[in-house]
Amino acid sequence: MIEFGIFDTSAIDLPPKLSSAGVYIPDGTLVQIHERTKELFNAQVRRMVVADRVGFHTYWIDEHHFLIEGSEISPNPFLTQAAAVPLTKGLRFGQLSNILPWHHPVRLAEQLAQLDIMSGGRCEVGVGRGYQPRETELFGYSYGGSQNDQEKNYVMFEEALEILIKCWTEPSFSYHGQFFQIPPGWVRWNHPVTRALTREPNFGRTESQVFDIDPNDNTPNVLQYLQGKVLLRELSVLPQPLQKPYPQIMESLMSARSIKLAARHGFNGQFIFVNPEKLRLARDMFYEEARKAGFPDRLNRGEFKRGWDGARRRGILSTYPIHVQEKGIGNLNKAWERERAAWDHFAVFGFTGLFGKGTTFDPTIKPSIEVFKESGVFLFGSGQEIVDKLMQLHKDVFDGQDMAVCLKMEQFGASHTETEEQIQYIGEEIIPVVARACGGLAPREDSKVDFRPEINR
């Protein structure tokens, strides 16, 4: 059983050019970059509509801020996805990733739950810690999860995960950690309606559970919700997700520490641009850590397959850039050039280490088209060449069993029309061939949400 998704890195369509500094940059002014950014989000909605029509299972959008470099601009992935909800039927919406140190976890829990409800239970929740200082130092500073102290960042990340799950699964709760106090111990809420609710028999929480009440408080009724000596002890976070107990959580993984953390928590693992040798090693590490932890799973379904378990939708996914040149679709020379341009941005963070041969990781590798072609990461070529590469991945990493793959089709500098053509052609011409040879496509469940008004005039 095979599952195919799309990973959208949110690149703008300004063509790249080689600067006098010897690195590629967008060929435009800052004003033009602003204008092209405005076009991007509507283009992503159109892509999701095409992806849904041709049968893709998931659509993942990253979260990044301030990137005038043109490669990744996506400040609010689930807002973009919410716009596509009423235009799609079976496509699931994932974020790769919501960077937890940049958000208050309660607000994030509310927004993701709302997306899950509106989409009819089609939300996937991707989480990450952040790696770019320009973003993490600004947003993470507020919550203590900055870039400069990785140990603090890890603790804050784990607290935020625990709070997300509490928001989604407990009707009323409190949390007292190193970074978050929910609710803060000084919050006054002597509201007569709230207190009346908690006095109702069988309401679910009692007045003494929700409030800390000073028995000597004689505050008059005027503004008593502010002035009374009644402190709030618990909060109820509304809404909670449609999927129970909560949507599947996915973590973007690279380091051994992150791989093991995700496996112990029952998350799925997403590996981006990892060659087959490194991916197989990471797959085994993930599986063995999950086995030692008793195969944790949000639905308590027990052991799952090594690699990907299609029936449970549990395990690891792999993400690869893809470009097809076939029947007037695509241009391989341009595609390679665009990837080379984009990787002047990514190489600074050491990600070219993913392209090294075998299981070694060398972040000093310089990006080049030759390196890309030898890496085993890029699924570029004719339709048959791509089919062959996917079949080899199915054999080498997923042992000829279930497989889940995400495909990155948009590129820095590619037009939005070109991206839509790639999505449609790959969905209609390539994926069915692979699916027939590998046990068939995983089923999709269409949303039953109806956005039509109840009145007609």
Protein backbone atom coordinates (compact mmCIF):
# COMPACT_ATOMS: atom_id res chain seq x y z
CA MET A 1 0.00 0.00 0.00
CA ILE A 2 1.53 3.28 -1.19
CA GLU A 3 0.84 6.83 -0.02
CA PHE A 4 2.00 9.96 -1.83
CA GLY A 5 2.14 13.49 -0.46
CA ILE A 6 3.48 16.84 -1.58
CA PHE A 7 5.95 18.99 0.33
CA ASP A 8 5.74 22.69 -0.59
CA THR A 9 8.69 24.82 0.55
CA SER A 10 6.90 28.06 -0.39
CA ALA A 11 9.38 29.48 -2.91
CA ILE A 12 8.52 32.57 -4.92
CA ASP A 13 8.62 32.60 -8.72
CA LEU A 14 11.20 35.36 -9.28
CA PRO A 15 13.99 33.78 -11.34
CA PRO A 16 17.38 33.45 -9.64
CA LYS A 17 20.52 35.22 -10.81
CA LEU A 18 24.19 34.88 -9.90
CA SER A 19 25.23 37.86 -7.80
CA SER A 20 28.58 39.65 -7.80
CA ALA A 21 29.25 37.84 -4.49
CA GLY A 22 29.11 34.51 -6.29
CA VAL A 23 25.84 33.26 -4.78
CA TYR A 24 22.38 33.06 -6.31
CA ILE A 25 19.76 35.63 -5.34
CA PRO A 26 16.26 36.52 -6.58
CA ASP A 27 16.43 38.67 -9.71
CA GLY A 28 14.35 41.52 -8.35
CA THR A 29 14.09 44.39 -5.92
CA LEU A 30 12.74 44.13 -2.39
CA VAL A 31 9.47 45.66 -3.60
CA GLN A 32 9.18 42.99 -6.30
CA ILE A 33 9.88 40.24 -3.74
CA HIS A 34 7.02 41.63 -1.63
CA GLU A 35 4.70 41.57 -4.65
CA ARG A 36 5.60 38.01 -5.67
CA THR A 37 5.08 36.87 -2.09
CA LYS A 38 1.49 38.08 -2.29
CA GLU A 39 0.92 35.82 -5.30
CA LEU A 40 2.42 32.76 -3.63
CA PHE A 41 -0.32 31.89 -1.14
CA ASN A 42 -3.17 31.89 -3.65
CA ALA A 43 -0.98 29.78 -5.94
CA GLN A 44 -0.53 27.26 -3.12
CA VAL A 45 -4.30 26.99 -2.72
CA ARG A 46 -4.63 26.24 -6.44
CA ARG A 47 -1.90 23.60 -6.16
CA MET A 48 -3.78 21.88 -3.35
CA VAL A 49 -6.91 21.78 -5.49
CA VAL A 50 -4.96 20.12 -8.33
CA ALA A 51 -3.30 17.70 -5.88
CA ASP A 52 -6.69 16.69 -4.51
CA ARG A 53 -8.14 16.11 -7.98
CA VAL A 54 -5.33 13.77 -9.06
CA GLY A 55 -5.40 11.74 -5.86
CA PHE A 56 -2.52 12.84 -3.63
CA HIS A 57 -2.99 11.94 0.02
CA THR A 58 -1.32 14.83 1.89
CA TYR A 59 -0.07 18.35 1.27
CA TRP A 60 2.63 19.66 3.60
CA ILE A 61 3.66 23.32 3.85
CA ASP A 62 6.62 24.56 5.86
CA GLU A 63 6.72 27.50 8.29
CA HIS A 64 9.31 30.22 7.70
CA HIS A 65 9.48 33.97 8.19
CA PHE A 66 11.40 36.98 6.78
CA LEU A 67 13.07 35.02 3.95
CA ILE A 68 13.70 37.73 1.38
CA GLU A 69 16.08 35.20 -0.20
CA GLY A 70 13.05 33.76 -2.00
CA SER A 71 13.35 30.06 -1.15
CA GLU A 72 10.90 29.69 1.77
CA ILE A 73 8.14 32.16 2.64
CA SER A 74 5.32 30.70 4.73
CA PRO A 75 4.39 32.50 7.93
CA ASN A 76 1.10 30.64 8.49
CA PRO A 77 0.78 27.28 6.70
CA PHE A 78 -2.53 26.22 8.22
CA LEU A 79 -4.17 29.52 7.26
CA THR A 80 -3.27 28.80 3.63
CA GLN A 81 -4.56 25.25 4.04
CA ALA A 82 -7.82 26.45 5.58
CA ALA A 83 -8.50 28.38 2.36
CA ALA A 84 -8.23 25.10 0.42
CA VAL A 85 -10.50 23.14 2.76
CA PRO A 86 -13.87 23.85 1.04
CA LEU A 87 -12.27 23.34 -2.40
CA THR A 88 -10.95 19.83 -1.72
CA LYS A 89 -12.40 16.47 -0.73
CA GLY A 90 -9.84 13.89 0.38
CA LEU A 91 -6.53 15.75 0.62
CA ARG A 92 -5.05 15.87 4.11
CA PHE A 93 -3.30 19.02 5.34
CA GLY A 94 0.01 18.93 7.18
CA GLN A 95 2.53 21.51 8.34
CA LEU A 96 6.22 20.70 8.05
CA SER A 97 6.53 22.08 10.54
CA ASN A 98 4.81 24.20 13.14
CA ILE A 99 7.88 25.44 15.01
CA LEU A 100 6.82 25.06 18.63
CA PRO A 101 9.32 27.52 20.18
CA TRP A 102 7.71 30.26 18.05
CA HIS A 103 4.14 29.75 19.34
CA HIS A 104 2.20 29.71 22.54
CA PRO A 105 1.07 26.06 22.59
CA VAL A 106 -2.49 26.84 23.69
CA ARG A 107 -3.11 29.20 20.79
CA LEU A 108 -1.53 26.73 18.38
CA ALA A 109 -3.71 23.92 19.76
CA GLU A 110 -6.85 25.98 19.17
CA GLN A 111 -5.92 26.86 15.58
CA LEU A 112 -4.96 23.33 14.57
CA ALA A 113 -8.10 21.90 16.16
CA GLN A 114 -10.17 24.39 14.18
CA LEU A 115 -8.47 23.31 10.94
CA ASP A 116 -9.19 19.68 11.81
CA ILE A 117 -12.88 20.40 12.40
CA MET A 118 -13.35 22.52 9.29
CA SER A 119 -11.57 19.96 7.10
CA GLY A 120 -13.62 17.05 8.40
CA GLY A 121 -10.69 15.46 10.24
CA ARG A 122 -8.06 15.97 7.54
CA CYS A 123 -5.41 17.72 9.64
CA GLU A 124 -1.91 16.32 10.20
CA VAL A 125 0.24 18.14 12.76
CA GLY A 126 3.91 18.61 11.98
CA VAL A 127 6.17 19.92 14.74
CA GLY A 128 9.77 21.14 14.85
CA ARG A 129 12.23 23.14 16.97
CA GLY A 130 13.54 25.66 14.44
CA TYR A 131 17.08 26.11 13.18
CA GLN A 132 17.33 29.60 11.68
CA PRO A 133 18.43 32.20 14.28
CA ARG A 134 16.71 35.12 12.52
CA GLU A 135 13.35 33.48 13.24
CA THR A 136 13.99 31.54 16.43
CA GLU A 137 15.71 34.37 18.30
CA LEU A 138 12.76 36.68 17.59
CA PHE A 139 9.80 34.38 18.17
CA GLY A 140 11.44 31.89 20.53
CA TYR A 141 12.73 34.59 22.86
CA SER A 142 9.23 35.24 24.20
CA TYR A 143 8.81 31.67 25.39
CA GLY A 144 12.41 30.86 26.31
CA GLY A 145 13.11 28.55 23.38
CA SER A 146 15.84 30.54 21.62
CA GLN A 147 18.47 29.26 19.21
CA ASN A 148 21.47 29.94 21.44
CA ASP A 149 20.65 27.40 24.15
CA GLN A 150 19.69 24.08 22.61
CA GLU A 151 19.00 22.41 25.95
CA LYS A 152 16.43 25.09 26.83
CA ASN A 153 14.99 24.75 23.34
CA TYR A 154 14.52 20.99 23.80
CA VAL A 155 12.83 21.40 27.21
CA MET A 156 10.52 24.09 25.89
CA PHE A 157 9.69 21.91 22.86
CA GLU A 158 8.76 18.95 25.06
CA GLU A 159 6.63 21.13 27.38
CA ALA A 160 4.78 22.56 24.38
CA LEU A 161 4.07 19.05 23.06
CA GLU A 162 2.65 17.98 26.41
CA ILE A 163 0.44 21.07 26.53
CA LEU A 164 -0.84 20.53 22.97
CA ILE A 165 -2.01 17.04 23.87
CA LYS A 166 -3.60 18.21 27.12
CA CYS A 167 -5.50 20.91 25.22
CA TRP A 168 -6.81 18.31 22.79
CA THR A 169 -7.67 15.52 25.22
CA GLU A 170 -8.61 16.97 28.62
CA PRO A 171 -11.87 18.88 29.12
CA SER A 172 -10.20 21.11 31.73
CA PHE A 173 -6.57 21.17 32.83
CA SER A 174 -3.67 23.03 34.39
CA TYR A 175 0.03 22.83 33.62
CA HIS A 176 3.01 23.97 35.67
CA GLY A 177 6.37 23.59 33.95
CA GLN A 178 9.65 25.42 33.63
CA PHE A 179 8.41 27.60 30.76
CA PHE A 180 4.62 27.56 30.91
CA GLN A 181 2.16 28.12 33.76
CA ILE A 182 -1.41 27.45 32.58
CA PRO A 183 -3.26 29.31 33.86
CA PRO A 184 -0.86 31.77 35.52
CA GLY A 185 -1.26 31.67 39.28
CA TRP A 186 -2.41 35.29 39.55
CA VAL A 187 -5.34 35.21 37.11
CA ARG A 188 -8.54 36.51 38.75
CA TRP A 189 -11.78 35.21 37.29
CA ASN A 190 -14.60 35.68 39.75
CA HIS A 191 -17.17 35.53 36.96
CA PRO A 192 -20.72 34.67 38.11
CA VAL A 193 -21.59 32.72 34.95
CA THR A 194 -18.44 30.58 35.09
CA ARG A 195 -18.98 29.88 38.77
CA ALA A 196 -22.65 29.07 38.20
CA LEU A 197 -21.70 26.55 35.52
CA THR A 198 -19.32 24.73 37.86
CA ARG A 199 -22.05 24.49 40.52
CA GLU A 200 -24.34 22.58 38.17
CA PRO A 201 -24.64 18.85 39.00
CA ASN A 202 -22.80 16.59 36.53
CA PHE A 203 -21.21 19.56 34.74
CA GLY A 204 -17.88 17.77 34.60
CA ARG A 205 -15.77 20.03 36.83
CA THR A 206 -16.61 21.38 40.26
CA GLU A 207 -16.23 24.91 41.51
CA SER A 208 -13.41 23.92 43.82
CA GLN A 209 -11.52 22.27 40.94
CA VAL A 210 -11.75 25.30 38.65
CA PHE A 211 -11.33 28.08 41.24
CA ASP A 212 -9.14 28.90 44.20
CA ILE A 213 -11.60 30.80 46.43
CA ASP A 214 -10.70 32.89 49.45
CA PRO A 215 -13.42 32.02 52.02
CA ASN A 216 -13.16 35.53 53.50
CA ASP A 217 -13.78 37.29 50.22
CA ASN A 218 -16.67 39.79 50.49
CA THR A 219 -16.12 41.60 47.20
CA PRO A 220 -19.27 43.38 45.95
CA ASN A 221 -20.79 42.28 42.68
CA VAL A 222 -19.59 45.34 40.78
CA LEU A 223 -16.60 44.28 38.65
CA GLN A 224 -16.26 41.22 40.86
CA TYR A 225 -14.65 39.18 38.07
CA LEU A 226 -11.65 41.53 38.33
CA GLN A 227 -11.63 42.45 42.01
CA GLY A 228 -12.70 39.30 43.81
CA LYS A 229 -10.15 37.11 45.56
CA VAL A 230 -11.03 34.18 43.31
CA LEU A 231 -8.17 32.77 41.25
CA LEU A 232 -8.46 30.52 38.22
CA ARG A 233 -6.95 27.05 38.68
CA GLU A 234 -7.90 25.37 35.38
CA LEU A 235 -8.68 26.21 31.76
CA SER A 236 -10.82 24.54 29.12
CA VAL A 237 -9.40 24.94 25.63
CA LEU A 238 -12.01 25.11 22.87
CA PRO A 239 -12.32 23.64 20.34
CA GLN A 240 -10.81 20.18 20.51
CA PRO A 241 -9.98 18.29 17.28
CA LEU A 242 -12.46 16.18 15.38
CA GLN A 243 -9.94 13.30 15.22
CA LYS A 244 -9.72 11.41 18.48
CA PRO A 245 -7.80 11.45 20.64
CA TYR A 246 -5.97 14.01 18.48
CA PRO A 247 -4.47 14.25 14.97
CA GLN A 248 -1.35 12.26 14.18
CA ILE A 249 1.78 14.25 15.04
CA MET A 250 4.74 14.27 12.68
CA GLU A 251 8.24 15.54 13.45
CA SER A 252 10.83 16.54 10.87
CA LEU A 253 13.91 14.54 11.84
CA MET A 254 17.63 14.74 11.30
CA SER A 255 19.66 14.19 14.49
CA ALA A 256 19.72 10.92 16.44
CA ARG A 257 18.30 12.76 19.44
CA SER A 258 15.25 13.96 17.49
CA ILE A 259 14.73 10.53 15.92
CA LYS A 260 14.63 8.87 19.33
CA LEU A 261 12.40 11.55 20.85
CA ALA A 262 9.82 11.18 18.07
CA ALA A 263 9.82 7.39 18.35
CA ARG A 264 9.32 7.49 22.14
CA HIS A 265 6.44 9.95 21.85
CA GLY A 266 4.53 8.00 19.20
CA PHE A 267 5.07 10.56 16.44
CA ASN A 268 5.67 9.81 12.79
CA GLY A 269 9.03 10.83 11.36
CA GLN A 270 9.59 12.90 8.24
CA PHE A 271 13.04 12.72 6.62
CA ILE A 272 13.73 15.41 4.04
CA PHE A 273 16.25 14.97 1.20
CA VAL A 274 18.03 12.00 2.82
CA ASN A 275 19.78 9.51 0.56
CA PRO A 276 18.60 5.87 0.72
CA GLU A 277 21.60 4.65 2.74
CA LYS A 278 21.18 7.29 5.44
CA LEU A 279 17.40 6.86 5.39
CA ARG A 280 17.64 3.12 5.97
CA LEU A 281 19.92 3.72 8.97
CA ALA A 282 17.52 6.34 10.38
CA ARG A 283 14.57 4.02 9.75
CA ASP A 284 16.16 1.29 11.86
CA MET A 285 17.04 3.72 14.66
CA PHE A 286 13.46 5.02 14.73
CA TYR A 287 11.98 1.53 14.76
CA GLU A 288 14.29 0.19 17.47
CA GLU A 289 13.60 3.15 19.74
CA ALA A 290 9.86 2.69 19.22
CA ARG A 291 10.21 -1.02 20.00
CA LYS A 292 12.10 -0.31 23.25
CA ALA A 293 9.35 2.14 24.25
CA GLY A 294 6.60 -0.42 23.57
CA PHE A 295 5.51 1.02 20.20
CA PRO A 296 3.74 4.11 21.57
CA ASP A 297 0.78 5.15 19.45
CA ARG A 298 -2.00 7.71 19.92
CA LEU A 299 -4.57 4.94 19.30
CA ASN A 300 -2.78 2.21 21.29
CA ARG A 301 -2.59 -0.09 18.27
CA GLY A 302 0.68 -1.71 19.25
CA GLU A 303 3.52 -2.80 17.00
CA PHE A 304 3.75 -1.30 13.52
CA LYS A 305 5.83 -2.25 10.50
CA ARG A 306 9.43 -1.18 10.06
CA GLY A 307 9.45 1.77 7.71
CA TRP A 308 5.82 2.67 6.98
CA ASP A 309 2.66 0.90 8.12
CA GLY A 310 -0.07 1.85 5.67
CA ALA A 311 -2.99 0.45 7.64
CA ARG A 312 -2.01 2.41 10.76
CA ARG A 313 -0.42 5.36 8.92
CA ARG A 314 2.52 5.01 11.32
CA GLY A 315 6.26 5.11 10.82
CA ILE A 316 8.51 7.23 8.65
CA LEU A 317 8.02 9.21 5.45
CA SER A 318 10.71 10.34 3.03
CA THR A 319 10.69 13.54 1.01
CA TYR A 320 12.45 14.08 -2.31
CA PRO A 321 12.62 16.79 -4.98
CA ILE A 322 11.04 15.60 -8.20
CA HIS A 323 10.87 16.95 -11.75
CA VAL A 324 9.59 15.18 -14.84
CA GLN A 325 10.35 16.11 -18.44
CA GLU A 326 7.88 14.26 -20.63
CA LYS A 327 5.38 15.06 -23.39
CA GLY A 328 6.01 18.80 -23.30
CA ILE A 329 5.98 18.99 -19.50
CA GLY A 330 9.04 20.18 -17.57
CA ASN A 331 12.58 21.23 -18.41
CA LEU A 332 15.36 19.28 -16.72
CA ASN A 333 18.11 21.78 -17.49
CA LYS A 334 16.15 24.61 -15.89
CA ALA A 335 15.13 22.39 -12.98
CA TRP A 336 18.73 21.52 -12.14
CA GLU A 337 19.74 25.17 -12.39
CA ARG A 338 16.94 26.23 -10.06
CA GLU A 339 17.90 23.63 -7.49
CA ARG A 340 21.51 24.79 -7.67
CA ALA A 341 20.36 28.37 -7.02
CA ALA A 342 18.14 27.41 -4.08
CA TRP A 343 20.90 25.46 -2.38
CA ASP A 344 23.03 28.56 -1.88
CA HIS A 345 20.42 29.32 0.77
CA PHE A 346 20.17 25.83 2.29
CA ALA A 347 23.90 24.97 2.22
CA VAL A 348 24.69 27.57 4.90
CA PHE A 349 22.80 25.42 7.41
CA GLY A 350 24.82 22.31 6.61
CA PHE A 351 22.06 20.46 4.78
CA THR A 352 24.31 19.46 1.88
CA GLY A 353 25.68 16.88 4.31
CA LEU A 354 22.61 14.88 3.37
CA PHE A 355 24.05 14.39 -0.13
CA GLY A 356 27.22 12.59 0.91
CA LYS A 357 27.63 9.00 -0.23
CA GLY A 358 26.77 6.19 2.15
CA THR A 359 25.90 6.96 5.76
CA THR A 360 28.48 9.69 6.36
CA PHE A 361 27.32 13.27 7.01
CA ASP A 362 29.63 16.01 5.73
CA PRO A 363 28.11 19.51 6.03
CA THR A 364 31.07 21.03 4.15
CA ILE A 365 29.93 19.53 0.83
CA LYS A 366 29.55 22.32 -1.72
CA PRO A 367 26.28 22.40 -3.66
CA SER A 368 26.61 21.59 -7.35
CA ILE A 369 24.53 19.91 -10.00
CA GLU A 370 27.07 17.08 -10.13
CA VAL A 371 26.70 16.48 -6.37
CA PHE A 372 22.91 16.51 -6.71
CA LYS A 373 22.93 13.97 -9.51
CA GLU A 374 25.19 11.59 -7.59
CA SER A 375 23.33 11.93 -4.27
CA GLY A 376 20.44 9.58 -4.98
CA VAL A 377 18.09 12.23 -3.57
CA PHE A 378 16.71 13.94 -6.69
CA LEU A 379 13.97 12.17 -8.63
CA PHE A 380 14.60 13.97 -11.92
CA GLY A 381 14.14 12.54 -15.39
CA SER A 382 11.61 11.09 -17.79
CA GLY A 383 8.44 9.47 -16.52
CA GLN A 384 9.96 5.99 -16.74
CA GLU A 385 13.16 7.09 -15.01
CA ILE A 386 11.17 8.47 -12.11
CA VAL A 387 9.05 5.32 -11.90
CA ASP A 388 12.26 3.28 -11.75
CA LYS A 389 13.71 5.47 -8.99
CA LEU A 390 10.55 5.23 -6.89
CA MET A 391 10.47 1.46 -7.36
CA GLN A 392 14.11 1.26 -6.21
CA LEU A 393 13.30 3.37 -3.14
CA HIS A 394 10.39 1.03 -2.39
CA LYS A 395 12.78 -1.91 -2.47
CA ASP A 396 15.83 -0.41 -0.74
CA VAL A 397 14.23 1.52 2.14
CA PHE A 398 10.73 0.09 2.58
CA ASP A 399 11.64 -3.56 1.93
CA GLY A 400 9.04 -3.88 -0.80
CA GLN A 401 6.19 -3.32 1.69
CA ASP A 402 4.14 -0.23 2.46
CA MET A 403 5.70 3.10 1.46
CA ALA A 404 4.96 6.78 2.10
CA VAL A 405 6.75 9.43 0.04
CA CYS A 406 6.40 13.20 -0.20
CA LEU A 407 7.40 14.93 -3.41
CA LYS A 408 8.68 18.51 -3.68
CA MET A 409 7.67 19.92 -7.06
CA GLU A 410 7.81 23.71 -6.74
CA GLN A 411 11.18 25.38 -7.20
CA PHE A 412 12.79 28.73 -6.55
CA GLY A 413 12.10 30.65 -9.76
CA ALA A 414 9.61 28.25 -11.35
CA SER A 415 6.30 29.70 -12.47
CA HIS A 416 3.19 28.63 -10.59
CA THR A 417 1.78 27.18 -13.82
CA GLU A 418 4.85 24.95 -14.19
CA THR A 419 4.34 23.65 -10.66
CA GLU A 420 0.69 22.84 -11.32
CA GLU A 421 1.70 20.96 -14.49
CA GLN A 422 4.18 18.86 -12.52
CA ILE A 423 1.58 18.02 -9.86
CA GLN A 424 -1.01 17.01 -12.45
CA TYR A 425 1.32 14.95 -14.64
CA ILE A 426 2.97 13.10 -11.78
CA GLY A 427 -0.40 12.44 -10.14
CA GLU A 428 -2.02 11.15 -13.33
CA GLU A 429 0.85 9.43 -15.17
CA ILE A 430 3.52 8.32 -12.68
CA ILE A 431 1.87 7.53 -9.35
CA PRO A 432 -0.68 5.06 -10.81
CA VAL A 433 2.14 3.08 -12.44
CA VAL A 434 4.08 2.85 -9.18
CA ALA A 435 0.94 2.00 -7.23
CA ARG A 436 -0.01 -0.88 -9.52
CA ALA A 437 3.42 -2.41 -9.04
CA CYS A 438 3.57 -1.88 -5.28
CA GLY A 439 0.28 -3.08 -3.85
CA GLY A 440 -2.04 -0.23 -4.78
CA LEU A 441 -2.71 3.26 -3.48
CA ALA A 442 -3.78 3.79 0.12
CA PRO A 443 -7.47 4.73 0.32
CA ARG A 444 -8.53 8.32 0.92
CA GLU A 445 -11.52 9.33 3.02
CA ASP A 446 -13.51 12.27 1.67
CA SER A 447 -14.64 15.02 3.99
CA LYS A 448 -18.31 15.04 4.93
CA VAL A 449 -18.31 18.72 5.90
CA ASP A 450 -20.88 20.71 3.92
CA PHE A 451 -20.21 24.44 3.56
CA ARG A 452 -23.43 25.18 1.69
CA PRO A 453 -25.83 27.46 3.58
CA GLU A 454 -28.94 25.92 5.07
CA ILE A 455 -31.26 28.49 3.49
CA ASN A 456 -31.95 29.05 -0.22
CA ARG A 457 -33.57 32.14 -1.59
